C-alpha cells in the first residue's frame, strides 16, 4: 500500500540549464557564506568581489543565451515560467544588482556604510583642505546577503506558482531587512528602519500567504495557469475569490510601496545605507512589479473587470500622495523615497491598461526608472560634508558652481524622473500613458498628467538650488569617485540618454518579448 502511494507521487523535473541564472546566484550566495566562515578578514573583501561580479556576469550571459524566440518554457514541474517578460526582468535585475554592487564595493567607506568619509585639515594659509579617509567596509557579510536577495528576485519574477512565489519573496526580503540595518553612524535610525521594514514586510507576506490559501481553496491549485482555468470553470463562492484576490493584491502592493501601503518606504530609504537604498529602489521595484504583472495577468487575467477598479484607485492615490508629499521634503533621500512612490503610481497606470502594450510599457518604465534611480543615489554618496553624506537639500545650494559635472548629472536624472522630452523618463511615461488610454483608463491618465506636473516642481527645485543659488559657507563638496562608483554613474547616464534619444531599439526588443507563458 505504501509503495503504491510513493509510486503515485510525481517526480519533479528540474531543467538545470534553463534555471542556471538562479542557480548561479544561489551558489554565489553559498560561497559567500563559506568565505565569511573560513577566510581571514584581510582576504574576504577581494574574494567576495571576485565571486559576486563573476556570478552576476555569468548569470547575465546565461539570461542572454537562453532568451530569444525559443526561450519559452515551463520548468520545475510547471512552477517556474521562463518567457519573454521573465528574461527581460531577470536581465534588468542582474544589471541593477551589478551597479549597486559597485557602490557596495567602494573601498573608501564611512561607518554609515556609504561611500567616502571626509575630514578637514587646516592649511598654512588658513584654508581648509578636504581629504578622504580610507576606512573600508566593515561588514563583508553584505555580499552573501546581496546574492541571496538577487536569487530570490530572479525566482520571484519567473514564479508560476503561488507557493514558489512566496518562498522567493522571503528569500528576496529577509536579506534586505538585515542590509537596511547595517548603517553605523546613524545606528538607531538604521535599526529603526530595518525593524519597521521587517515587521510590515512580515505582515504583508502573511497577508499574501493567506490570500494564496484562499485562492487554493477556490480553485484547487496554486499554479497560475490552473488557477485561471479553475476560476473560469468554477461557479460558486464568488465572495471567497474576491477575498483571495484582495489579500493577494494587498501583499503585492505593499512590496511596490503603493498607497496606502507606502509608510515603510520613506523611513527605510532614509535610514538604510545609501548603496542599500539604491539596490532596494532599483532592483526590488523591478522584482515587485514583475511578480505583480505575472500573478494578475496570468492567474487572475480572466477577472480584469473585477480587480482593475482597485488598481485605478490605488494608482491615482499613489501618484497624487507621492507627488504632493515630496514637495515638502527637505532631505534628498526622503524626497527620492516619495518620488519612488509616485513613480510606482505611474507604473500602475500602465499596468491598468491590461493589454500587451501595457506589459511592454511597464517593462520599459521599470528599466528606465531603475537605472536613473541607481545613478541618483550613487551621486548622493559623493556629496559630502565633514560629518558624512550631505542629504539636506538646502545644503546643496550652489553645488553646480563647485562641481558642474556632478550637478549636471544629477540634473539629468531629475529631468528623467520628471519625464522631460529627450530623456528616458519621457519615453517611459509616454508608453504607460498610451497603453492606459488604449485600455480605457483615460481618466487615470489625466490624473497622471496632473501628478507629473506636481512632481516636476520638486525635481526642478533641485536643479534651481544647484545652479541658480549662491553656495553657502561650509557647504558640501564633491569627492572624486573611485572606478567602482564611476562605472555605476556612467552606466546610469548612458542608459538614461540612449533611452531618451534612441528608444526604439529597446522598445522593439521589449515589445517582441511582452507575452506571458500560460
Protein backbone atom coordinates (compact mmCIF):
# COMPACT_ATOMS: atom_id res chain seq x y z
CA UNK A 1 0.00 0.00 0.00
CA UNK A 2 2.73 2.44 0.99
CA UNK A 3 4.67 1.52 -2.14
CA UNK A 4 1.68 2.41 -4.32
CA UNK A 5 1.38 5.80 -2.63
CA UNK A 6 5.07 6.51 -3.17
CA UNK A 7 4.84 5.49 -6.82
CA UNK A 8 1.88 7.83 -7.35
CA UNK A 9 3.87 10.89 -6.28
CA UNK A 10 5.17 12.65 -9.44
CA UNK A 11 8.91 13.05 -9.71
CA UNK A 12 9.84 16.72 -10.14
CA UNK A 13 11.82 17.54 -13.25
CA UNK A 14 14.38 20.34 -12.94
CA UNK A 15 15.85 21.78 -16.13
CA UNK A 16 19.10 22.97 -14.58
CA UNK A 17 20.37 24.68 -17.73
CA UNK A 18 17.28 26.88 -18.01
CA UNK A 19 17.43 27.63 -14.29
CA UNK A 20 21.14 28.46 -14.44
CA UNK A 21 20.83 32.23 -13.73
CA UNK A 22 19.03 31.48 -10.46
CA UNK A 23 21.37 28.63 -9.56
CA UNK A 24 24.49 30.68 -10.28
CA UNK A 25 23.42 33.40 -7.85
CA UNK A 26 22.38 30.81 -5.26
CA UNK A 27 25.77 29.09 -5.38
CA UNK A 28 27.46 32.51 -5.20
CA UNK A 29 25.49 33.24 -2.03
CA UNK A 30 26.51 29.90 -0.52
CA UNK A 31 30.12 30.58 -1.49
CA UNK A 32 29.85 33.95 0.24
CA UNK A 33 28.76 32.26 3.46
CA UNK A 34 31.75 29.91 3.28
CA UNK A 35 34.08 32.84 2.65
CA UNK A 36 32.74 34.56 5.77
CA UNK A 37 33.23 31.38 7.78
CA UNK A 38 36.72 30.30 6.75
CA UNK A 39 38.75 33.13 5.20
CA UNK A 40 40.68 35.64 7.32
CA UNK A 41 39.38 39.21 7.42
CA UNK A 42 42.08 40.68 5.19
CA UNK A 43 41.23 38.32 2.30
CA UNK A 44 37.47 38.42 2.45
CA UNK A 45 36.77 41.64 0.56
CA UNK A 46 38.74 40.80 -2.57
CA UNK A 47 37.41 37.25 -2.65
CA UNK A 48 33.84 38.47 -2.25
CA UNK A 49 34.30 40.94 -5.10
CA UNK A 50 35.59 38.22 -7.41
CA UNK A 51 32.69 35.92 -6.54
CA UNK A 52 29.88 38.48 -6.77
CA UNK A 53 30.90 40.14 -10.02
CA UNK A 54 31.80 36.85 -11.70
CA UNK A 55 28.46 35.35 -10.71
CA UNK A 56 26.48 38.39 -11.84
CA UNK A 57 28.30 38.38 -15.18
CA UNK A 58 27.79 34.64 -15.71
CA UNK A 59 24.12 34.85 -14.74
CA UNK A 60 23.55 37.76 -17.12
CA UNK A 61 25.18 35.93 -20.02
CA UNK A 62 23.08 32.87 -19.17
CA UNK A 63 19.96 35.03 -19.46
CA UNK A 64 21.09 36.37 -22.85
CA UNK A 65 21.96 32.92 -24.21
CA UNK A 66 18.68 31.35 -23.16
CA UNK A 67 16.35 34.18 -24.14
CA UNK A 68 15.01 34.58 -27.64
CA UNK A 69 12.23 33.09 -29.76
CA UNK A 70 12.80 29.61 -28.33
CA UNK A 71 13.42 30.75 -24.76
CA UNK A 72 9.89 29.95 -23.51
CA UNK A 73 9.31 27.00 -21.23
CA UNK A 74 7.55 25.87 -18.08
CA UNK A 75 10.21 24.25 -15.91
CA UNK A 76 10.50 22.73 -12.43
CA UNK A 77 7.23 20.81 -12.90
CA UNK A 78 5.47 23.94 -14.14
CA UNK A 79 6.28 26.08 -11.11
CA UNK A 80 8.68 28.38 -12.97
CA UNK A 81 7.76 30.13 -16.24
CA UNK A 82 10.65 31.24 -18.43
CA UNK A 83 9.27 33.62 -21.03
CA UNK A 84 9.96 37.00 -22.62
CA UNK A 85 8.95 39.19 -19.66
CA UNK A 86 10.81 36.85 -17.31
CA UNK A 87 14.06 37.13 -19.26
CA UNK A 88 13.72 40.94 -19.52
CA UNK A 89 13.09 41.25 -15.79
CA UNK A 90 15.91 38.88 -14.84
CA UNK A 91 18.39 40.72 -17.05
CA UNK A 92 17.37 44.08 -15.61
CA UNK A 93 17.65 42.82 -12.03
CA UNK A 94 21.14 41.47 -12.66
CA UNK A 95 22.33 44.73 -14.23
CA UNK A 96 20.89 46.84 -11.41
CA UNK A 97 22.37 44.45 -8.84
CA UNK A 98 25.78 44.78 -10.51
CA UNK A 99 25.58 48.58 -10.40
CA UNK A 100 24.52 48.53 -6.76
CA UNK A 101 27.32 46.06 -6.01
CA UNK A 102 29.76 48.61 -7.43
CA UNK A 103 28.57 51.04 -4.76
CA UNK A 104 28.83 48.29 -2.13
CA UNK A 105 32.37 47.61 -3.33
CA UNK A 106 33.57 51.17 -2.73
CA UNK A 107 36.85 50.86 -0.83
CA UNK A 108 36.56 54.26 0.84
CA UNK A 109 33.58 53.74 3.11
CA UNK A 110 32.50 55.56 6.23
CA UNK A 111 30.87 53.87 9.24
CA UNK A 112 27.44 54.64 7.80
CA UNK A 113 28.12 52.21 5.02
CA UNK A 114 28.12 54.96 2.40
CA UNK A 115 30.96 55.95 0.12
CA UNK A 116 33.74 58.23 1.28
CA UNK A 117 34.33 59.68 4.75
CA UNK A 118 35.79 63.17 4.72
CA UNK A 119 37.94 65.02 7.19
CA UNK A 120 39.09 68.61 7.16
CA UNK A 121 42.60 69.86 7.88
CA UNK A 122 43.83 73.44 8.09
CA UNK A 123 46.49 74.56 5.62
CA UNK A 124 49.14 77.18 6.45
CA UNK A 125 47.10 79.87 4.68
CA UNK A 126 44.11 79.24 6.88
CA UNK A 127 42.24 77.38 4.14
CA UNK A 128 40.62 74.04 4.68
CA UNK A 129 41.67 71.07 2.64
CA UNK A 130 39.15 68.26 2.29
CA UNK A 131 40.73 64.84 2.15
CA UNK A 132 39.31 61.35 2.06
CA UNK A 133 39.63 58.83 4.83
CA UNK A 134 40.09 55.26 3.67
CA UNK A 135 38.28 53.09 6.19
CA UNK A 136 36.91 50.13 4.27
CA UNK A 137 33.54 48.42 4.61
CA UNK A 138 33.44 46.74 7.99
CA UNK A 139 30.61 44.32 7.18
CA UNK A 140 31.70 41.89 4.47
CA UNK A 141 28.57 39.84 5.14
CA UNK A 142 26.75 42.24 2.82
CA UNK A 143 27.92 40.15 -0.14
CA UNK A 144 26.17 36.84 0.62
CA UNK A 145 23.10 38.82 1.70
CA UNK A 146 23.11 40.64 -1.63
CA UNK A 147 23.49 37.36 -3.54
CA UNK A 148 20.65 35.66 -1.66
CA UNK A 149 18.38 38.64 -2.30
CA UNK A 150 19.16 38.62 -6.03
CA UNK A 151 18.48 34.86 -6.10
CA UNK A 152 15.04 35.45 -4.64
CA UNK A 153 14.33 38.24 -7.14
CA UNK A 154 15.27 36.08 -10.14
CA UNK A 155 12.92 33.37 -8.94
CA UNK A 156 10.18 35.80 -7.91
CA UNK A 157 9.73 37.31 -11.38
CA UNK A 158 9.51 33.88 -13.02
CA UNK A 159 7.45 32.03 -10.39
CA UNK A 160 4.40 30.35 -11.87
CA UNK A 161 3.12 29.04 -8.55
CA UNK A 162 1.90 30.96 -5.50
CA UNK A 163 3.89 28.81 -3.08
CA UNK A 164 7.10 29.20 -5.08
CA UNK A 165 6.41 32.94 -5.30
CA UNK A 166 6.06 33.14 -1.52
CA UNK A 167 9.33 31.28 -0.95
CA UNK A 168 11.10 33.52 -3.48
CA UNK A 169 9.63 36.59 -1.76
CA UNK A 170 11.09 35.57 1.58
CA UNK A 171 14.48 34.75 0.06
CA UNK A 172 14.44 38.21 -1.52
CA UNK A 173 13.18 40.11 1.53
CA UNK A 174 14.93 38.62 4.55
CA UNK A 175 18.44 39.75 3.45
CA UNK A 176 17.04 43.22 2.77
CA UNK A 177 15.80 43.53 6.36
CA UNK A 178 19.37 42.91 7.54
CA UNK A 179 21.01 45.14 4.93
CA UNK A 180 18.76 48.06 5.88
CA UNK A 181 20.06 48.00 9.46
CA UNK A 182 23.81 47.95 8.74
CA UNK A 183 24.44 51.69 9.00
CA UNK A 184 26.68 52.61 11.93
CA UNK A 185 26.92 56.39 12.01
CA UNK A 186 23.14 56.75 12.39
CA UNK A 187 22.77 53.38 14.05
CA UNK A 188 19.44 53.92 15.79
CA UNK A 189 17.84 55.41 12.67
CA UNK A 190 19.06 52.50 10.57
CA UNK A 191 17.97 49.85 13.05
CA UNK A 192 14.59 51.51 13.41
CA UNK A 193 14.20 51.42 9.63
CA UNK A 194 15.16 47.75 9.50
CA UNK A 195 12.73 46.87 12.28
CA UNK A 196 9.85 48.72 10.60
CA UNK A 197 10.68 47.06 7.31
CA UNK A 198 10.77 43.63 8.93
CA UNK A 199 7.50 43.97 10.86
CA UNK A 200 5.50 45.45 7.99
CA UNK A 201 7.14 43.12 5.47
CA UNK A 202 6.29 40.08 7.57
CA UNK A 203 2.70 41.28 7.87
CA UNK A 204 2.43 41.76 4.09
CA UNK A 205 3.92 38.31 3.47
CA UNK A 206 1.40 36.76 5.86
CA UNK A 207 -1.46 38.50 4.06
CA UNK A 208 -0.13 37.26 0.71
CA UNK A 209 0.11 33.73 2.10
CA UNK A 210 -3.44 33.89 3.44
CA UNK A 211 -4.66 35.11 0.05
CA UNK A 212 -2.81 32.23 -1.62
CA UNK A 213 -4.56 29.76 0.73
CA UNK A 214 -7.97 31.18 -0.18
CA UNK A 215 -7.06 31.00 -3.87
CA UNK A 216 -6.19 27.33 -3.43
CA UNK A 217 -9.46 26.74 -1.58
CA UNK A 218 -11.42 28.20 -4.50
CA UNK A 219 -9.51 26.77 -7.47
CA UNK A 220 -7.81 23.68 -6.02
CA UNK A 221 -4.42 24.69 -7.38
CA UNK A 222 -1.51 27.07 -6.79
CA UNK A 223 -0.17 27.14 -10.36
CA UNK A 224 -1.14 30.28 -12.23
CA UNK A 225 -2.41 28.55 -15.36
CA UNK A 226 -4.53 26.13 -13.37
CA UNK A 227 -5.80 28.96 -11.18
CA UNK A 228 -7.01 30.75 -14.32
CA UNK A 229 -8.72 27.59 -15.56
CA UNK A 230 -10.24 26.93 -12.13
CA UNK A 231 -11.70 30.45 -11.99
CA UNK A 232 -13.25 30.01 -15.44
CA UNK A 233 -14.84 26.67 -14.58
CA UNK A 234 -15.99 27.43 -11.02
CA UNK A 235 -19.43 28.91 -10.43
CA UNK A 236 -19.70 29.10 -6.65
CA UNK A 237 -18.43 31.15 -3.68
CA UNK A 238 -17.55 34.37 -5.56
CA UNK A 239 -17.01 36.07 -2.21
CA UNK A 240 -14.18 33.66 -1.41
CA UNK A 241 -12.47 34.50 -4.70
CA UNK A 242 -12.91 38.23 -4.14
CA UNK A 243 -11.32 37.94 -0.70
CA UNK A 244 -8.44 35.91 -2.15
CA UNK A 245 -7.70 38.50 -4.86
CA UNK A 246 -7.94 41.36 -2.35
CA UNK A 247 -5.48 39.73 0.06
CA UNK A 248 -3.01 38.84 -2.69
CA UNK A 249 -3.26 42.40 -4.01
CA UNK A 250 -2.55 43.89 -0.57
CA UNK A 251 0.54 41.70 -0.14
CA UNK A 252 1.89 42.64 -3.56
CA UNK A 253 1.04 46.34 -3.36
CA UNK A 254 3.00 46.60 -0.12
CA UNK A 255 6.12 45.36 -1.89
CA UNK A 256 5.88 48.06 -4.56
CA UNK A 257 5.21 50.77 -1.95
CA UNK A 258 1.79 51.78 -3.27
CA UNK A 259 -0.56 54.00 -1.25
CA UNK A 260 -1.92 53.23 1.35
CA UNK A 261 0.79 50.61 1.94
CA UNK A 262 3.69 53.02 1.50
CA UNK A 263 4.54 54.04 5.06
CA UNK A 264 7.70 51.97 5.21
CA UNK A 265 9.31 53.47 2.10
CA UNK A 266 10.46 56.92 3.37
CA UNK A 267 11.81 55.59 6.67
CA UNK A 268 13.64 52.65 5.13
CA UNK A 269 15.11 54.66 2.25
CA UNK A 270 16.35 57.32 4.67
CA UNK A 271 17.68 55.01 7.37
CA UNK A 272 19.38 52.39 5.19
CA UNK A 273 22.94 52.91 3.90
CA UNK A 274 22.74 54.67 0.54
CA UNK A 275 24.14 51.74 -1.52
CA UNK A 276 21.47 49.53 0.06
CA UNK A 277 18.83 52.15 -0.71
CA UNK A 278 19.90 52.23 -4.36
CA UNK A 279 19.57 48.44 -4.53
CA UNK A 280 16.10 48.50 -2.97
CA UNK A 281 14.87 51.43 -5.05
CA UNK A 282 16.06 49.80 -8.28
CA UNK A 283 16.11 46.01 -8.16
CA UNK A 284 13.34 45.49 -5.60
CA UNK A 285 10.99 47.75 -7.55
CA UNK A 286 11.65 45.75 -10.73
CA UNK A 287 11.11 42.42 -8.97
CA UNK A 288 7.94 43.51 -7.17
CA UNK A 289 6.26 44.81 -10.31
CA UNK A 290 7.40 41.74 -12.24
CA UNK A 291 5.63 39.50 -9.75
CA UNK A 292 2.54 41.73 -9.74
CA UNK A 293 2.34 41.59 -13.53
CA UNK A 294 2.60 37.82 -13.69
CA UNK A 295 0.11 36.97 -10.97
CA UNK A 296 -2.60 39.39 -12.15
CA UNK A 297 -2.11 38.99 -15.89
CA UNK A 298 -1.78 35.19 -15.81
CA UNK A 299 -3.54 33.80 -12.73
CA UNK A 300 -6.25 36.46 -12.44
CA UNK A 301 -6.26 37.56 -16.07
CA UNK A 302 -9.85 36.45 -16.63
CA UNK A 303 -11.06 38.75 -13.83
CA UNK A 304 -9.77 42.04 -15.22
CA UNK A 305 -13.04 43.86 -14.63
CA UNK A 306 -13.07 42.71 -11.02
CA UNK A 307 -9.61 43.90 -9.96
CA UNK A 308 -8.95 46.78 -12.37
CA UNK A 309 -11.12 49.31 -10.44
CA UNK A 310 -8.97 48.61 -7.37
CA UNK A 311 -5.82 49.27 -9.38
CA UNK A 312 -7.30 52.51 -10.70
CA UNK A 313 -7.96 53.80 -7.18
CA UNK A 314 -4.56 52.72 -5.86
CA UNK A 315 -2.72 54.16 -8.87
CA UNK A 316 -4.46 57.54 -8.55
CA UNK A 317 -3.79 57.78 -4.81
CA UNK A 318 -0.18 56.66 -5.22
CA UNK A 319 0.62 59.26 -7.87
CA UNK A 320 -1.03 62.16 -6.05
CA UNK A 321 0.07 61.34 -2.50
CA UNK A 322 3.67 60.60 -3.52
CA UNK A 323 3.98 63.77 -5.59
CA UNK A 324 2.30 66.12 -3.10
CA UNK A 325 4.19 64.93 -0.01
CA UNK A 326 7.50 65.04 -1.88
CA UNK A 327 7.04 68.81 -2.26
CA UNK A 328 7.58 69.36 1.46
CA UNK A 329 10.65 67.18 1.91
CA UNK A 330 13.96 68.74 2.91
CA UNK A 331 16.00 65.52 2.87
CA UNK A 332 17.12 64.34 -0.56
CA UNK A 333 16.85 60.61 0.19
CA UNK A 334 13.39 61.09 1.67
CA UNK A 335 12.34 63.10 -1.37
CA UNK A 336 13.54 60.30 -3.65
CA UNK A 337 11.56 57.87 -1.49
CA UNK A 338 8.33 59.74 -2.20
CA UNK A 339 9.45 60.03 -5.81
CA UNK A 340 9.70 56.24 -5.82
CA UNK A 341 6.13 56.06 -4.50
CA UNK A 342 4.79 58.42 -7.18
CA UNK A 343 6.68 56.57 -9.91
CA UNK A 344 5.09 53.36 -8.66
CA UNK A 345 1.74 55.04 -9.30
CA UNK A 346 2.76 55.90 -12.86
CA UNK A 347 3.74 52.28 -13.46
CA UNK A 348 0.35 51.18 -12.13
CA UNK A 349 -1.26 53.47 -14.73
CA UNK A 350 0.39 51.41 -17.46
CA UNK A 351 -0.45 48.22 -15.55
CA UNK A 352 -4.14 49.15 -15.65
CA UNK A 353 -4.10 49.03 -19.45
CA UNK A 354 -4.40 45.20 -19.24
CA UNK A 355 -3.14 44.59 -22.77
CA UNK A 356 0.10 43.50 -24.39
CA UNK A 357 1.16 47.12 -24.90
CA UNK A 358 0.71 47.63 -21.15
CA UNK A 359 3.15 44.81 -20.37
CA UNK A 360 5.77 46.34 -22.68
CA UNK A 361 5.17 49.84 -21.26
CA UNK A 362 5.58 48.65 -17.67
CA UNK A 363 8.79 46.78 -18.50
CA UNK A 364 10.28 49.82 -20.25
CA UNK A 365 9.32 52.09 -17.35
CA UNK A 366 10.96 49.70 -14.87
CA UNK A 367 14.18 49.66 -16.89
CA UNK A 368 14.39 53.44 -17.24
CA UNK A 369 13.45 54.17 -13.63
CA UNK A 370 15.80 51.58 -12.13
CA UNK A 371 18.87 52.87 -13.96
CA UNK A 372 18.11 56.52 -13.23
CA UNK A 373 17.44 55.96 -9.54
CA UNK A 374 20.67 53.99 -9.02
CA UNK A 375 22.57 56.83 -10.69
CA UNK A 376 20.90 59.42 -8.46
CA UNK A 377 21.71 57.55 -5.26
CA UNK A 378 25.27 56.94 -6.47
CA UNK A 379 25.73 60.70 -6.83
CA UNK A 380 24.37 61.26 -3.32
CA UNK A 381 27.25 59.16 -1.97
CA UNK A 382 29.68 61.69 -3.48
CA UNK A 383 28.15 64.82 -1.94
CA UNK A 384 29.96 65.03 1.38
CA UNK A 385 30.46 67.17 4.42
CA UNK A 386 32.80 66.75 7.35
CA UNK A 387 30.15 64.70 9.17
CA UNK A 388 29.49 62.42 6.20
CA UNK A 389 26.87 62.45 3.46
CA UNK A 390 25.07 65.71 2.83
CA UNK A 391 21.47 64.76 2.06
CA UNK A 392 19.84 68.01 3.24
CA UNK A 393 18.57 69.80 0.14
CA UNK A 394 19.22 73.33 1.39
CA UNK A 395 22.90 72.45 1.76
CA UNK A 396 23.10 71.80 -1.99
CA UNK A 397 22.80 75.49 -2.84
CA UNK A 398 25.32 76.49 -5.48
CA UNK A 399 26.63 72.96 -5.91
CA UNK A 400 26.64 73.48 -9.68
CA UNK A 401 29.29 76.19 -9.27
CA UNK A 402 31.53 73.91 -7.21
CA UNK A 403 31.10 70.77 -9.29
CA UNK A 404 29.27 71.35 -12.59
CA UNK A 405 29.70 67.72 -13.67
CA UNK A 406 28.09 66.15 -10.59
CA UNK A 407 25.31 68.74 -10.52
CA UNK A 408 24.75 68.31 -14.27
CA UNK A 409 24.42 64.54 -13.97
CA UNK A 410 22.03 64.88 -11.05
CA UNK A 411 20.00 67.35 -13.12
CA UNK A 412 19.83 64.79 -15.92
CA UNK A 413 18.35 62.20 -13.56
CA UNK A 414 15.92 64.73 -12.10
CA UNK A 415 14.72 65.67 -15.59
CA UNK A 416 14.32 61.99 -16.40
CA UNK A 417 12.18 61.45 -13.29
CA UNK A 418 10.10 64.45 -14.34
CA UNK A 419 9.54 62.94 -17.80
CA UNK A 420 11.14 65.76 -19.78
CA UNK A 421 11.47 65.01 -23.54
CA UNK A 422 14.79 63.56 -24.78
CA UNK A 423 15.25 61.67 -21.51
CA UNK A 424 14.37 58.08 -20.74
CA UNK A 425 11.64 59.23 -18.35
CA UNK A 426 9.68 60.80 -21.20
CA UNK A 427 9.83 57.55 -23.15
CA UNK A 428 8.60 55.62 -20.12
CA UNK A 429 5.73 57.94 -19.23
CA UNK A 430 4.59 58.27 -22.83
CA UNK A 431 4.48 54.48 -23.03
CA UNK A 432 2.42 53.88 -19.88
CA UNK A 433 0.00 56.71 -20.67
CA UNK A 434 -0.51 55.46 -24.23
CA UNK A 435 -1.10 51.89 -23.04
CA UNK A 436 -3.55 53.07 -20.39
CA UNK A 437 -5.55 55.13 -22.92
CA UNK A 438 -5.70 52.12 -25.25
CA UNK A 439 -7.03 50.08 -22.32
CA UNK A 440 -9.78 52.59 -21.49
CA UNK A 441 -8.10 54.25 -18.50
CA UNK A 442 -8.18 57.81 -19.85
CA UNK A 443 -9.40 59.40 -16.56
CA UNK A 444 -6.45 57.79 -14.78
CA UNK A 445 -4.08 59.23 -17.38
CA UNK A 446 -5.45 62.72 -16.74
CA UNK A 447 -4.68 62.28 -13.04
CA UNK A 448 -1.22 61.05 -14.04
CA UNK A 449 -0.56 64.16 -16.12
CA UNK A 450 -1.56 66.38 -13.18
CA UNK A 451 0.66 64.37 -10.83
CA UNK A 452 3.53 64.68 -13.32
CA UNK A 453 3.23 68.46 -13.24
CA UNK A 454 3.30 68.43 -9.43
CA UNK A 455 6.28 66.09 -9.40
CA UNK A 456 8.18 68.28 -11.85
CA UNK A 457 8.14 71.07 -9.26
CA UNK A 458 10.29 69.27 -6.71
CA UNK A 459 12.60 67.85 -9.35
CA UNK A 460 13.22 71.26 -10.88
CA UNK A 461 13.63 72.75 -7.40
CA UNK A 462 16.77 70.64 -7.00
CA UNK A 463 18.17 71.99 -10.27
CA UNK A 464 17.41 75.57 -9.25
CA UNK A 465 19.15 75.07 -5.90
CA UNK A 466 22.26 73.72 -7.56
CA UNK A 467 22.64 76.16 -10.44
CA UNK A 468 20.72 79.33 -9.57
CA UNK A 469 21.65 79.83 -5.93
CA UNK A 470 24.84 81.06 -4.29
CA UNK A 471 26.90 78.45 -2.42
CA UNK A 472 26.50 78.51 1.34
CA UNK A 473 29.55 78.81 3.61
CA UNK A 474 30.99 75.49 4.65
CA UNK A 475 28.67 73.77 2.20
CA UNK A 476 29.16 70.23 0.90
CA UNK A 477 31.85 69.25 -1.56
CA UNK A 478 32.06 66.53 -4.18
CA UNK A 479 34.75 63.92 -3.71
CA UNK A 480 36.47 62.21 -6.61
CA UNK A 481 34.79 58.84 -7.15
CA UNK A 482 36.69 55.61 -7.47
CA UNK A 483 36.47 53.37 -10.51
CA UNK A 484 33.54 51.44 -8.99
CA UNK A 485 31.31 54.47 -8.44
CA UNK A 486 32.38 55.99 -11.76
CA UNK A 487 31.25 52.90 -13.67
CA UNK A 488 27.88 52.87 -11.89
CA UNK A 489 27.20 56.56 -12.58
CA UNK A 490 28.42 56.29 -16.18
CA UNK A 491 26.20 53.29 -16.90
CA UNK A 492 23.15 55.08 -15.48
CA UNK A 493 23.92 58.19 -17.50
CA UNK A 494 24.41 56.31 -20.77
CA UNK A 495 21.19 54.33 -20.38
CA UNK A 496 19.21 57.45 -19.46
CA UNK A 497 20.48 59.30 -22.52
CA UNK A 498 20.18 56.43 -25.00
CA UNK A 499 16.63 55.54 -23.94
CA UNK A 500 15.74 59.20 -24.34
CA UNK A 501 17.35 59.81 -27.73
CA UNK A 502 17.14 56.34 -29.33
CA UNK A 503 14.35 54.48 -27.50
CA UNK A 504 13.11 52.44 -30.45
CA UNK A 505 15.78 49.75 -30.06
CA UNK A 506 14.70 48.90 -26.53
CA UNK A 507 11.01 49.39 -27.34
CA UNK A 508 11.20 46.85 -30.18
CA UNK A 509 13.11 44.37 -28.02
CA UNK A 510 10.70 44.60 -25.09
CA UNK A 511 7.58 44.64 -27.28
CA UNK A 512 8.61 41.43 -29.01
CA UNK A 513 9.04 39.76 -25.60
CA UNK A 514 5.93 41.07 -23.84
CA UNK A 515 3.87 37.85 -23.82
CA UNK A 516 3.50 35.75 -20.69
CA UNK A 517 3.67 31.98 -20.90
CA UNK A 518 0.42 30.49 -19.58
